[in-house]
């Protein structure tokens, strides 16, 4: 190999070089030009050799060039020309070409020559200009959106960041922050969910996307603010090599959402109370007469039974009246329920994962700003068939119940887990909402779906009953599972679209 390289001559390397090259002697005359130079400068070898190098320089720059050339030969060393100035070469047709120029001294038989290398500058300048424009736009976007940018090396957790990140994390300009400090100021209740989401990005089979909302506390003044982070993991050869993300202060947005949602919850609660009140009044009105009749017939029956010489026919009529009025009460109740549930079920095909995320966003807006459940969503699950609005209402109700149970025990909201998977045995979608609260006793579990039964001080006892009715109307089932340890899990199923294999 060494012998092969030894046999390569300067002339061969000079001729095959991709960059345009000229060999100039100490008098400034061109003695050699490679093919790339002939192409760039539009000369033939015969016409370019013998020219002074000044002939390739626009006339306005020629004045002192011979002095520069003489200075180079007095101190020949590898250097670039221009010192930041724009340089131009002149082609045989008079066209000026923007170039960068490198100079290298070469000694041949005790004579010093200059090897001049031309690099086309147009492409470089276009790239630099595009980069400047891109950076300016990025900076404007960052300022407009109040974004901070951070960059993490996932192998050694080295952290790079801009000034906005320092500001958000309570640091002064010029101070530093490492990865442990970056994570350490996140509220412990939000840290687990954020870490789970970040670790999920390491899976090369996933999309590498990251999204989390969490609270951070300024270590100097203790002020807490909400931050929204979006990022993406980059992979090389199936290995995570870089994580780039942005962070934005959403504290004002969260406070506004909380106020609006508190007002909405108050209105919704009042509306539910009105519905419950009217429903109870309607039921009471429909049942009042048959119950009064049952009471009267029962008194007659008791009176007859209390006398030795009773009349069987009177007792029979009294009992028959009780049966008749009880049936009337049942019929009235069924008719009332049918009236309240009147309406055709409108179904559609929809993505159950998206509906779960929508329900989470709705629940977060209900003043439950710390909600960060653990999600286990089957990303390959087929579309389901049902009423999307009704299913979302069921999910919101189950999530609210789970959060209340979790908070009663003093657990973090991230102790709630939501999963969506395929129920292979029945070829249906299977959704689970699990909490780590105090759990539900066997006695309560047996009554949990009864109308007007509730363990809440402000509840009306209709949420789970309505949820089960909605799921059933959509072709599925809803049931409760008591966890082996703490908490409880509610499950429901939904059918896939027809002909799903």
Protein backbone atom coordinates (compact mmCIF):
# COMPACT_ATOMS: atom_id res chain seq x y z
CA UNK A 1 0.00 0.00 0.00
CA UNK A 2 2.85 2.38 0.90
CA UNK A 3 4.51 1.73 -2.49
CA UNK A 4 1.21 2.38 -4.30
CA UNK A 5 0.80 5.76 -2.58
CA UNK A 6 4.46 6.57 -3.23
CA UNK A 7 3.87 6.16 -6.94
CA UNK A 8 1.03 8.71 -6.96
CA UNK A 9 2.44 11.89 -8.46
CA UNK A 10 1.48 15.46 -7.57
CA UNK A 11 0.30 15.91 -11.15
CA UNK A 12 -2.19 13.05 -10.85
CA UNK A 13 -3.62 14.34 -7.58
CA UNK A 14 -3.70 17.86 -8.98
CA UNK A 15 -5.64 16.80 -12.07
CA UNK A 16 -8.27 14.70 -10.26
CA UNK A 17 -8.97 17.18 -7.42
CA UNK A 18 -12.64 18.18 -7.23
CA UNK A 19 -11.81 21.80 -6.31
CA UNK A 20 -10.50 24.28 -8.86
CA UNK A 21 -6.68 24.65 -8.50
CA UNK A 22 -4.00 26.82 -10.10
CA UNK A 23 -0.22 26.54 -9.69
CA UNK A 24 1.43 30.00 -9.83
CA UNK A 25 5.16 30.79 -9.87
CA UNK A 26 6.94 33.55 -7.98
CA UNK A 27 6.43 36.00 -10.83
CA UNK A 28 2.69 35.54 -10.60
CA UNK A 29 2.31 33.54 -13.83
CA UNK A 30 0.01 30.53 -14.04
CA UNK A 31 1.98 27.38 -14.89
CA UNK A 32 -0.70 24.71 -14.32
CA UNK A 33 -4.52 24.55 -14.06
CA UNK A 34 -6.52 21.44 -13.29
CA UNK A 35 -9.70 20.42 -15.08
CA UNK A 36 -11.99 21.86 -12.37
CA UNK A 37 -10.28 25.27 -12.68
CA UNK A 38 -10.63 25.26 -16.47
CA UNK A 39 -14.34 24.50 -16.09
CA UNK A 40 -14.89 27.17 -13.43
CA UNK A 41 -12.93 29.95 -15.17
CA UNK A 42 -13.98 29.00 -18.73
CA UNK A 43 -10.41 28.74 -20.10
CA UNK A 44 -8.56 26.12 -22.04
CA UNK A 45 -5.21 24.92 -20.75
CA UNK A 46 -3.43 26.66 -23.62
CA UNK A 47 -5.05 30.04 -22.98
CA UNK A 48 -4.73 30.11 -19.20
CA UNK A 49 -1.14 28.99 -18.78
CA UNK A 50 1.21 31.97 -18.98
CA UNK A 51 -1.37 34.49 -17.79
CA UNK A 52 -0.60 36.46 -14.65
CA UNK A 53 -2.87 35.64 -11.77
CA UNK A 54 -4.06 39.28 -11.77
CA UNK A 55 -5.82 38.55 -15.07
CA UNK A 56 -8.29 36.44 -13.08
CA UNK A 57 -9.05 39.28 -10.65
CA UNK A 58 -11.72 41.94 -11.36
CA UNK A 59 -10.00 45.19 -12.34
CA UNK A 60 -11.18 47.12 -9.28
CA UNK A 61 -9.24 44.72 -7.01
CA UNK A 62 -5.98 44.50 -9.01
CA UNK A 63 -4.26 47.66 -7.76
CA UNK A 64 -2.29 46.27 -4.84
CA UNK A 65 -2.52 42.57 -5.56
CA UNK A 66 1.11 42.22 -6.68
CA UNK A 67 2.15 43.59 -3.27
CA UNK A 68 0.09 40.90 -1.55
CA UNK A 69 1.67 38.27 -3.81
CA UNK A 70 5.19 39.45 -3.05
CA UNK A 71 4.35 39.49 0.66
CA UNK A 72 3.21 35.87 0.47
CA UNK A 73 6.48 34.73 -1.13
CA UNK A 74 8.44 36.53 1.58
CA UNK A 75 6.55 34.57 4.23
CA UNK A 76 5.06 31.52 2.47
CA UNK A 77 2.57 29.66 4.67
CA UNK A 78 -0.82 28.06 4.28
CA UNK A 79 -3.56 30.64 4.64
CA UNK A 80 -6.91 31.80 3.34
CA UNK A 81 -7.51 35.10 1.59
CA UNK A 82 -10.08 37.75 2.30
CA UNK A 83 -10.18 38.07 6.10
CA UNK A 84 -13.99 38.05 5.95
CA UNK A 85 -14.22 40.14 2.74
CA UNK A 86 -16.07 38.97 -0.36
CA UNK A 87 -13.72 37.65 -3.04
CA UNK A 88 -14.35 37.29 -6.76
CA UNK A 89 -12.65 35.50 -9.64
CA UNK A 90 -12.99 36.69 -13.24
CA UNK A 91 -13.84 34.14 -15.95
CA UNK A 92 -12.67 34.44 -19.56
CA UNK A 93 -16.14 35.75 -20.50
CA UNK A 94 -15.87 38.55 -17.94
CA UNK A 95 -18.30 36.99 -15.45
CA UNK A 96 -17.47 37.55 -11.78
CA UNK A 97 -17.59 34.43 -9.63
CA UNK A 98 -18.00 34.64 -5.83
CA UNK A 99 -15.27 32.42 -4.36
CA UNK A 100 -13.32 31.61 -1.23
CA UNK A 101 -9.59 31.24 -1.87
CA UNK A 102 -6.97 29.15 -0.08
CA UNK A 103 -3.21 29.59 -0.57
CA UNK A 104 -0.61 26.86 0.01
CA UNK A 105 3.17 27.14 -0.69
CA UNK A 106 4.73 24.23 -2.62
CA UNK A 107 8.45 23.75 -3.30
CA UNK A 108 9.41 22.05 -6.54
CA UNK A 109 13.15 21.74 -7.33
CA UNK A 110 14.05 24.54 -4.93
CA UNK A 111 11.45 26.83 -6.49
CA UNK A 112 8.46 28.05 -4.45
CA UNK A 113 5.06 28.03 -6.07
CA UNK A 114 1.62 29.02 -4.84
CA UNK A 115 -1.14 26.42 -5.00
CA UNK A 116 -4.34 28.50 -5.27
CA UNK A 117 -7.59 26.65 -4.49
CA UNK A 118 -10.96 28.17 -5.40
CA UNK A 119 -14.12 27.24 -3.46
CA UNK A 120 -17.45 28.37 -4.91
CA UNK A 121 -18.92 30.68 -2.25
CA UNK A 122 -22.46 31.04 -3.59
CA UNK A 123 -23.74 27.80 -2.11
CA UNK A 124 -22.02 28.45 1.22
CA UNK A 125 -23.43 31.95 1.39
CA UNK A 126 -26.91 30.74 0.48
CA UNK A 127 -26.65 28.15 3.24
CA UNK A 128 -25.39 30.73 5.73
CA UNK A 129 -28.15 33.14 4.75
CA UNK A 130 -30.80 30.41 5.08
CA UNK A 131 -29.36 29.51 8.48
CA UNK A 132 -29.43 33.15 9.60
CA UNK A 133 -33.03 33.53 8.44
CA UNK A 134 -33.99 30.27 10.13
CA UNK A 135 -32.33 31.35 13.39
CA UNK A 136 -34.02 34.75 13.24
CA UNK A 137 -37.41 33.13 12.69
CA UNK A 138 -36.77 30.67 15.51
CA UNK A 139 -35.80 33.51 17.83
CA UNK A 140 -38.92 35.48 16.89
CA UNK A 141 -41.10 32.40 17.43
CA UNK A 142 -39.45 31.76 20.80
CA UNK A 143 -40.07 35.34 21.89
CA UNK A 144 -43.67 35.36 20.62
CA UNK A 145 -44.49 32.06 22.34
CA UNK A 146 -42.24 32.73 25.34
CA UNK A 147 -40.46 29.44 24.71
CA UNK A 148 -37.34 28.05 26.29
CA UNK A 149 -35.28 25.44 24.41
CA UNK A 150 -33.38 22.56 25.98
CA UNK A 151 -31.27 19.75 24.54
CA UNK A 152 -30.43 16.52 26.38
CA UNK A 153 -27.82 13.89 25.56
CA UNK A 154 -29.68 10.75 26.69
CA UNK A 155 -26.48 8.73 27.10
CA UNK A 156 -24.86 10.85 29.82
CA UNK A 157 -27.82 13.21 30.55
CA UNK A 158 -25.75 16.25 29.59
CA UNK A 159 -28.09 19.26 29.40
CA UNK A 160 -27.90 22.29 27.09
CA UNK A 161 -30.35 25.18 27.37
CA UNK A 162 -31.02 28.81 26.52
CA UNK A 163 -31.51 31.86 28.74
CA UNK A 164 -35.30 31.40 28.90
CA UNK A 165 -34.90 27.95 30.47
CA UNK A 166 -32.62 29.47 33.11
CA UNK A 167 -35.25 32.12 33.82
CA UNK A 168 -38.08 29.58 34.08
CA UNK A 169 -36.03 27.41 36.43
CA UNK A 170 -35.23 30.34 38.73
CA UNK A 171 -31.61 30.87 37.64
CA UNK A 172 -29.86 34.16 36.92
CA UNK A 173 -28.24 34.91 33.52
CA UNK A 174 -24.85 33.25 33.34
CA UNK A 175 -25.64 30.62 35.99
CA UNK A 176 -25.63 26.93 35.13
CA UNK A 177 -28.09 24.11 35.68
CA UNK A 178 -27.44 20.37 35.38
CA UNK A 179 -29.91 17.60 34.62
CA UNK A 180 -30.51 16.68 38.28
CA UNK A 181 -31.35 20.31 39.12
CA UNK A 182 -33.54 20.50 36.03
CA UNK A 183 -35.62 17.55 37.27
CA UNK A 184 -35.33 18.40 40.96
CA UNK A 185 -37.52 21.53 40.85
CA UNK A 186 -40.47 19.63 39.33
CA UNK A 187 -43.30 19.09 41.79
CA UNK A 188 -42.97 15.51 43.18
CA UNK A 189 -46.62 14.83 42.33
CA UNK A 190 -45.86 15.53 38.64
CA UNK A 191 -42.33 14.11 38.48
CA UNK A 192 -43.34 10.44 38.16
CA UNK A 193 -45.66 11.01 35.22
CA UNK A 194 -43.07 13.24 33.50
CA UNK A 195 -40.37 10.59 33.98
CA UNK A 196 -42.66 7.86 32.61
CA UNK A 197 -43.37 9.97 29.52
CA UNK A 198 -39.64 10.72 29.04
CA UNK A 199 -38.65 7.06 29.41
CA UNK A 200 -41.30 6.11 26.85
CA UNK A 201 -39.42 8.23 24.29
CA UNK A 202 -36.44 5.86 24.47
CA UNK A 203 -38.40 3.11 22.68
CA UNK A 204 -37.20 3.12 19.03
CA UNK A 205 -40.45 1.37 18.05
CA UNK A 206 -42.45 4.41 19.24
CA UNK A 207 -42.77 7.86 17.74
CA UNK A 208 -40.27 9.46 20.15
CA UNK A 209 -42.73 12.27 20.96
CA UNK A 210 -42.87 13.79 24.43
CA UNK A 211 -45.55 15.93 26.02
CA UNK A 212 -46.02 16.78 29.68
CA UNK A 213 -47.43 19.49 31.89
CA UNK A 214 -45.93 19.91 35.33
CA UNK A 215 -45.37 22.38 38.14
CA UNK A 216 -41.93 23.76 38.98
CA UNK A 217 -41.00 25.70 42.10
CA UNK A 218 -38.50 28.56 42.08
CA UNK A 219 -35.84 27.52 44.64
CA UNK A 220 -35.21 31.16 45.63
CA UNK A 221 -38.69 32.56 46.28
CA UNK A 222 -40.80 29.35 46.39
CA UNK A 223 -43.14 30.60 43.66
CA UNK A 224 -44.74 27.72 41.75
CA UNK A 225 -45.63 27.92 38.10
CA UNK A 226 -47.02 25.59 35.46
CA UNK A 227 -44.85 24.55 32.52
CA UNK A 228 -45.82 22.76 29.31
CA UNK A 229 -43.02 20.78 27.61
CA UNK A 230 -42.98 19.30 24.13
CA UNK A 231 -40.03 17.37 22.73
CA UNK A 232 -38.81 14.60 20.46
CA UNK A 233 -36.17 11.90 20.79
CA UNK A 234 -33.81 11.35 17.84
CA UNK A 235 -32.41 7.91 17.06
CA UNK A 236 -29.40 6.59 15.20
CA UNK A 237 -29.10 2.90 14.39
CA UNK A 238 -31.99 2.21 16.78
CA UNK A 239 -30.28 4.02 19.66
CA UNK A 240 -31.50 7.21 21.35
CA UNK A 241 -28.85 9.88 20.70
CA UNK A 242 -30.49 13.27 21.26
CA UNK A 243 -33.59 14.74 22.89
CA UNK A 244 -34.68 18.24 21.91
CA UNK A 245 -37.57 20.03 23.60
CA UNK A 246 -39.18 23.35 24.38
CA UNK A 247 -40.82 24.59 27.58
CA UNK A 248 -43.47 27.28 27.98
CA UNK A 249 -44.92 28.99 31.05
CA UNK A 250 -48.68 28.25 31.09
CA UNK A 251 -49.42 29.43 34.65
CA UNK A 252 -51.85 32.18 33.58
CA UNK A 253 -53.61 29.77 31.23
CA UNK A 254 -54.01 27.22 34.03
CA UNK A 255 -55.38 29.80 36.46
CA UNK A 256 -57.86 31.04 33.85
CA UNK A 257 -58.91 27.47 33.04
CA UNK A 258 -59.39 26.76 36.73
CA UNK A 259 -61.65 29.80 37.21
CA UNK A 260 -63.71 28.99 34.12
CA UNK A 261 -64.03 25.34 35.01
CA UNK A 262 -65.02 26.09 38.59
CA UNK A 263 -67.80 28.23 37.18
CA UNK A 264 -68.74 25.47 34.74
CA UNK A 265 -68.73 22.83 37.49
CA UNK A 266 -70.90 25.04 39.67
CA UNK A 267 -73.36 25.53 36.82
CA UNK A 268 -73.27 21.84 35.94
CA UNK A 269 -73.80 20.85 39.57
CA UNK A 270 -76.79 23.17 39.84
CA UNK A 271 -78.17 21.78 36.58
CA UNK A 272 -77.75 18.20 37.86
CA UNK A 273 -79.48 19.09 41.09
CA UNK A 274 -82.37 20.58 39.13
CA UNK A 275 -82.61 17.44 36.98
CA UNK A 276 -82.51 15.25 40.09
CA UNK A 277 -85.13 17.41 41.76
CA UNK A 278 -87.49 17.32 38.78
CA UNK A 279 -86.88 13.59 38.31
CA UNK A 280 -87.62 12.89 41.96
CA UNK A 281 -90.75 15.07 41.81
CA UNK A 282 -91.97 13.26 38.71
CA UNK A 283 -91.35 9.87 40.30
CA UNK A 284 -93.06 10.96 43.52
CA UNK A 285 -96.07 12.27 41.59
CA UNK A 286 -96.45 9.09 39.56
CA UNK A 287 -96.04 6.79 42.56
CA UNK A 288 -98.05 8.78 45.11
CA UNK A 289 -101.52 7.51 44.13
CA UNK A 290 -100.69 3.78 43.74
CA UNK A 291 -98.70 3.84 46.99
CA UNK A 292 -101.59 5.51 48.83
CA UNK A 293 -103.93 2.85 47.42
CA UNK A 294 -101.56 0.06 48.44
CA UNK A 295 -101.47 1.53 51.94
CA UNK A 296 -105.30 1.64 52.15
CA UNK A 297 -105.71 -1.93 50.85
CA UNK A 298 -103.03 -3.11 53.28
CA UNK A 299 -104.94 -1.53 56.21
CA UNK A 300 -108.10 -3.38 55.16
CA UNK A 301 -106.20 -6.64 54.90
CA UNK A 302 -104.64 -6.15 58.34
CA UNK A 303 -108.05 -5.27 59.81
CA UNK A 304 -109.59 -8.46 58.43
CA UNK A 305 -106.67 -10.56 59.63
CA UNK A 306 -107.03 -9.14 63.16
CA UNK A 307 -110.62 -10.44 63.55
CA UNK A 308 -111.47 -14.06 64.14
CA UNK A 309 -114.65 -13.94 62.08
CA UNK A 310 -112.97 -12.34 59.06
CA UNK A 311 -114.39 -12.32 55.58
CA UNK A 312 -112.05 -14.04 53.07
CA UNK A 313 -113.58 -12.24 50.11
CA UNK A 314 -112.67 -8.83 51.62
CA UNK A 315 -109.15 -9.98 52.35
CA UNK A 316 -108.75 -11.31 48.80
CA UNK A 317 -110.00 -8.06 47.27
CA UNK A 318 -107.60 -6.07 49.47
CA UNK A 319 -104.61 -8.18 48.47
CA UNK A 320 -105.63 -8.10 44.79
CA UNK A 321 -105.78 -4.32 45.09
CA UNK A 322 -102.26 -4.26 46.51
CA UNK A 323 -100.99 -6.33 43.56
CA UNK A 324 -102.80 -4.18 41.03
CA UNK A 325 -101.56 -0.90 42.45
CA UNK A 326 -98.00 -2.22 42.74
CA UNK A 327 -98.11 -3.17 39.06
CA UNK A 328 -99.47 0.27 38.24
CA UNK A 329 -96.57 1.87 40.13
CA UNK A 330 -94.06 -0.25 38.24
CA UNK A 331 -95.66 0.57 34.89
CA UNK A 332 -95.66 4.29 35.70
CA UNK A 333 -92.01 4.17 36.71
CA UNK A 334 -90.96 2.37 33.50
CA UNK A 335 -92.96 4.82 31.40
CA UNK A 336 -91.31 7.76 33.15
CA UNK A 337 -87.82 6.35 32.63
CA UNK A 338 -88.62 5.65 28.98
CA UNK A 339 -89.76 9.26 28.62
CA UNK A 340 -86.57 10.60 30.20
CA UNK A 341 -84.40 8.41 27.93
CA UNK A 342 -86.27 9.16 24.74
CA UNK A 343 -84.09 9.77 21.68
CA UNK A 344 -82.34 7.79 18.99
CA UNK A 345 -78.75 6.69 19.69
CA UNK A 346 -76.47 8.27 17.07
CA UNK A 347 -73.33 6.18 16.55
CA UNK A 348 -70.11 6.85 14.68
CA UNK A 349 -66.69 5.34 14.19
CA UNK A 350 -64.08 6.94 16.42
CA UNK A 351 -60.61 6.54 17.89
CA UNK A 352 -60.99 5.44 21.51
CA UNK A 353 -57.47 6.62 22.42
CA UNK A 354 -58.29 10.15 21.26
CA UNK A 355 -61.54 10.08 23.25
CA UNK A 356 -59.60 9.08 26.38
CA UNK A 357 -57.21 12.02 25.86
CA UNK A 358 -60.17 14.39 25.31
CA UNK A 359 -61.76 13.16 28.55
CA UNK A 360 -58.47 13.71 30.37
CA UNK A 361 -58.24 17.28 29.09
CA UNK A 362 -61.84 17.91 30.19
CA UNK A 363 -61.14 16.47 33.62
CA UNK A 364 -57.94 18.49 33.98
CA UNK A 365 -60.00 21.58 33.30
CA UNK A 366 -62.42 20.78 36.14
CA UNK A 367 -60.08 22.37 38.65
CA UNK A 368 -58.11 19.09 38.89
CA UNK A 369 -54.96 20.73 37.56
CA UNK A 370 -52.58 18.14 39.00
CA UNK A 371 -54.00 15.24 37.03
CA UNK A 372 -51.17 13.23 35.45
CA UNK A 373 -52.43 9.63 35.12
CA UNK A 374 -50.33 6.76 33.83
CA UNK A 375 -51.56 5.95 30.32
CA UNK A 376 -51.34 2.53 28.70
CA UNK A 377 -52.92 2.97 25.28
CA UNK A 378 -52.83 0.30 22.59
CA UNK A 379 -51.77 2.39 19.60
CA UNK A 380 -52.87 -0.30 17.15
CA UNK A 381 -56.42 -0.64 18.45
CA UNK A 382 -59.10 -0.49 15.72
CA UNK A 383 -61.89 2.10 15.60
CA UNK A 384 -64.89 1.49 17.84
CA UNK A 385 -68.56 2.09 17.09
CA UNK A 386 -70.69 4.17 19.44
CA UNK A 387 -71.75 7.62 20.54
CA UNK A 388 -68.49 9.47 21.14
CA UNK A 389 -70.02 12.18 23.37
CA UNK A 390 -71.69 9.63 25.64
CA UNK A 391 -68.49 7.57 25.98
CA UNK A 392 -66.53 10.71 26.82
CA UNK A 393 -69.08 11.55 29.54
CA UNK A 394 -68.63 8.07 31.03
CA UNK A 395 -64.84 8.45 31.01
CA UNK A 396 -65.03 11.88 32.66
CA UNK A 397 -67.30 10.49 35.39
CA UNK A 398 -64.98 7.54 36.07
CA UNK A 399 -61.92 9.80 36.11
CA UNK A 400 -63.53 12.24 38.54
CA UNK A 401 -64.48 9.38 40.86
CA UNK A 402 -60.93 7.99 40.68
CA UNK A 403 -59.39 11.37 41.46
CA UNK A 404 -61.69 11.92 44.44
CA UNK A 405 -60.86 8.45 45.80
CA UNK A 406 -57.14 9.09 45.28
CA UNK A 407 -57.21 12.52 46.91
CA UNK A 408 -59.15 11.19 49.92
CA UNK A 409 -56.20 8.92 50.64
CA UNK A 410 -53.66 11.69 50.03
CA UNK A 411 -52.17 9.99 46.99
CA UNK A 412 -50.78 11.82 43.94
CA UNK A 413 -53.05 12.08 40.92
CA UNK A 414 -50.47 10.06 38.97
CA UNK A 415 -51.55 7.00 41.03
CA UNK A 416 -54.46 6.76 38.57
CA UNK A 417 -53.92 4.44 35.60
CA UNK A 418 -55.96 4.40 32.39
CA UNK A 419 -55.55 1.58 29.88
CA UNK A 420 -57.08 0.84 26.49
CA UNK A 421 -56.59 -2.60 24.94
CA UNK A 422 -58.27 -5.27 22.85
CA UNK A 423 -60.55 -7.68 24.74
CA UNK A 424 -59.56 -10.65 22.61
CA UNK A 425 -62.04 -13.11 24.13
CA UNK A 426 -65.00 -11.00 22.98
CA UNK A 427 -63.35 -9.02 20.16
CA UNK A 428 -64.17 -5.71 21.82
CA UNK A 429 -62.29 -2.69 23.11
CA UNK A 430 -61.55 -2.84 26.86
CA UNK A 431 -61.04 0.33 28.92
CA UNK A 432 -59.90 0.37 32.56
CA UNK A 433 -59.70 3.24 35.06
CA UNK A 434 -57.79 2.27 38.19
CA UNK A 435 -57.21 4.30 41.36
CA UNK A 436 -55.21 3.72 44.53
CA UNK A 437 -57.72 5.11 47.01
CA UNK A 438 -59.17 3.42 50.07
CA UNK A 439 -61.05 0.92 47.94
CA UNK A 440 -64.71 -0.14 48.03
CA UNK A 441 -66.07 -2.61 50.57
CA UNK A 442 -68.10 -5.61 49.47
CA UNK A 443 -71.24 -4.05 50.94
CA UNK A 444 -70.78 -0.82 49.00
CA UNK A 445 -69.77 -2.70 45.85
CA UNK A 446 -73.12 -4.50 45.84
CA UNK A 447 -75.00 -1.18 45.90
CA UNK A 448 -72.65 1.03 43.87
CA UNK A 449 -74.89 1.00 40.76
CA UNK A 450 -78.17 1.56 42.61
CA UNK A 451 -80.08 4.78 41.80
CA UNK A 452 -79.62 7.64 44.29
CA UNK A 453 -77.00 5.64 46.22
CA UNK A 454 -73.86 7.69 46.94
CA UNK A 455 -71.03 7.93 49.45
CA UNK A 456 -70.31 11.58 48.55
CA UNK A 457 -71.57 14.47 50.64
CA UNK A 458 -72.63 16.37 47.51
CA UNK A 459 -73.40 13.48 45.19
CA UNK A 460 -76.84 12.59 43.85
CA UNK A 461 -76.09 8.91 43.29
CA UNK A 462 -76.90 8.79 39.58
CA UNK A 463 -73.45 9.01 37.91
CA UNK A 464 -72.53 5.33 37.84
CA UNK A 465 -76.11 4.26 37.10
CA UNK A 466 -76.25 6.59 34.09
CA UNK A 467 -72.72 5.55 33.02
CA UNK A 468 -73.67 1.87 33.04
CA UNK A 469 -76.88 2.63 31.08
CA UNK A 470 -74.89 4.62 28.48
CA UNK A 471 -72.31 1.87 28.01
CA UNK A 472 -75.07 -0.73 27.68
CA UNK A 473 -76.87 1.43 25.12
CA UNK A 474 -73.61 1.53 23.13
CA UNK A 475 -73.33 -2.25 23.07
CA UNK A 476 -70.91 -2.77 25.94
CA UNK A 477 -70.78 -3.55 29.65
CA UNK A 478 -69.50 -1.59 32.68
CA UNK A 479 -68.45 -3.28 35.90
CA UNK A 480 -66.44 -2.79 39.08
CA UNK A 481 -63.41 -4.81 40.17
CA UNK A 482 -62.16 -4.57 43.76
CA UNK A 483 -58.36 -4.44 43.76
CA UNK A 484 -56.43 -7.01 45.74
CA UNK A 485 -54.65 -4.22 47.64
CA UNK A 486 -55.81 -0.61 47.65
CA UNK A 487 -58.19 1.15 45.33
CA UNK A 488 -60.68 -0.02 42.76
CA UNK A 489 -60.86 -0.49 39.00
CA UNK A 490 -63.81 0.22 36.74
CA UNK A 491 -63.89 -1.57 33.39
CA UNK A 492 -66.08 -1.15 30.35
CA UNK A 493 -66.18 -2.62 26.87
CA UNK A 494 -67.24 -1.26 23.49
CA UNK A 495 -67.77 -3.02 20.16
CA UNK A 496 -65.45 -2.54 17.24
CA UNK A 497 -66.84 -1.54 13.87
CA UNK A 498 -68.68 -4.43 12.10
CA UNK A 499 -66.59 -7.04 10.27
CA UNK A 500 -63.53 -6.33 12.41
CA UNK A 501 -61.49 -9.51 12.54
